[in-house]
Amino acid sequence: MCQSCSMPLKKDPGAGGTEKNGSKSELYCSFCYSDGTFSHPEVDTAKKMQAMVKKVMKGKGVPGFLAGIMTWGIPKLSRWKK
């Protein structure tokens, strides 16, 4: 599971994000992390990530209440733990 957005890494079409040296990240998906940096620097809090993921899911036809349930755990992921 991506430790930024909670997407199952097995469903990542890019098979995971990449580190600066080109190796695959074991923590983050290709949508969130590339070349050792986060892809959306403006998404700097768990709440912002939840909102972005909900918007993407709704755009793919997922009902709002279900998108909310599926993003509930984002603040508990390692990227967002303080």
Protein backbone atom coordinates (compact mmCIF):
# COMPACT_ATOMS: atom_id res chain seq x y z
CA MET A 1 0.00 0.00 0.00
CA CYS A 2 1.34 3.42 -0.93
CA GLN A 3 2.32 5.21 2.27
CA SER A 4 1.15 8.53 0.82
CA CYS A 5 -2.23 7.90 -0.89
CA SER A 6 -3.08 4.32 0.25
CA MET A 7 -3.38 2.90 -3.26
CA PRO A 8 -2.53 -0.81 -3.36
CA LEU A 9 0.92 -1.01 -4.93
CA LYS A 10 -0.16 -4.11 -6.86
CA LYS A 11 -2.62 -1.91 -8.77
CA ASP A 12 -0.04 0.73 -9.64
CA PRO A 13 0.45 0.69 -13.42
CA GLY A 14 3.99 2.01 -12.88
CA ALA A 15 4.74 -0.77 -10.39
CA GLY A 16 5.84 1.73 -7.74
CA GLY A 17 7.53 5.09 -7.56
CA THR A 18 11.23 5.56 -8.18
CA GLU A 19 14.16 6.72 -6.08
CA LYS A 20 16.81 9.15 -7.37
CA ASN A 21 19.01 6.24 -8.40
CA GLY A 22 16.18 4.74 -10.48
CA SER A 23 15.37 1.90 -8.11
CA LYS A 24 11.75 1.20 -7.22
CA SER A 25 10.36 2.69 -4.05
CA GLU A 26 8.97 0.14 -1.64
CA LEU A 27 6.83 2.79 0.08
CA TYR A 28 5.22 4.97 -2.58
CA CYS A 29 3.29 4.55 -5.84
CA SER A 30 4.27 6.05 -9.18
CA PHE A 31 1.50 8.66 -8.91
CA CYS A 32 2.89 10.05 -5.64
CA TYR A 33 6.65 9.63 -5.96
CA SER A 34 9.13 9.85 -8.82
CA ASP A 35 12.89 10.36 -8.99
CA GLY A 36 13.11 10.58 -5.20
CA THR A 37 10.57 13.40 -4.77
CA PHE A 38 6.84 13.68 -4.22
CA SER A 39 4.92 14.44 -7.42
CA HIS A 40 2.48 16.92 -5.90
CA PRO A 41 4.42 19.24 -3.55
CA GLU A 42 1.29 21.32 -2.94
CA VAL A 43 -0.29 18.26 -1.30
CA ASP A 44 1.60 18.65 1.94
CA THR A 45 -0.93 17.42 4.50
CA ALA A 46 -2.99 14.27 4.97
CA LYS A 47 -6.21 16.30 4.59
CA LYS A 48 -5.07 17.63 1.21
CA MET A 49 -4.16 14.11 0.11
CA GLN A 50 -7.55 12.82 1.21
CA ALA A 51 -9.28 15.56 -0.79
CA MET A 52 -7.19 14.86 -3.90
CA VAL A 53 -7.75 11.09 -3.73
CA LYS A 54 -11.51 11.57 -3.17
CA LYS A 55 -11.68 13.85 -6.22
CA VAL A 56 -9.84 11.32 -8.39
CA MET A 57 -12.03 8.47 -7.16
CA LYS A 58 -15.25 10.42 -7.75
CA GLY A 59 -14.00 11.21 -11.26
CA LYS A 60 -13.74 7.47 -11.85
CA GLY A 61 -17.33 6.94 -10.75
CA VAL A 62 -16.80 5.94 -7.11
CA PRO A 63 -19.65 7.29 -4.94
CA GLY A 64 -18.58 10.09 -2.58
CA PHE A 65 -19.41 8.19 0.61
CA LEU A 66 -17.34 5.22 -0.53
CA ALA A 67 -14.43 7.46 -1.54
CA GLY A 68 -14.59 8.97 1.95
CA ILE A 69 -14.44 5.56 3.58
CA MET A 70 -11.55 4.47 1.35
CA THR A 71 -9.48 7.54 2.26
CA TRP A 72 -10.19 7.42 5.99
CA GLY A 73 -6.86 5.78 6.84
CA ILE A 74 -4.59 8.18 4.93
CA PRO A 75 -3.57 10.18 8.05
CA LYS A 76 -2.22 6.96 9.58
CA LEU A 77 0.19 6.26 6.70
CA SER A 78 3.92 6.72 7.33
CA ARG A 79 4.25 9.87 5.18
CA TRP A 80 1.70 11.70 7.32
CA LYS A 81 2.59 10.47 10.81
CA LYS A 82 4.33 13.18 12.79
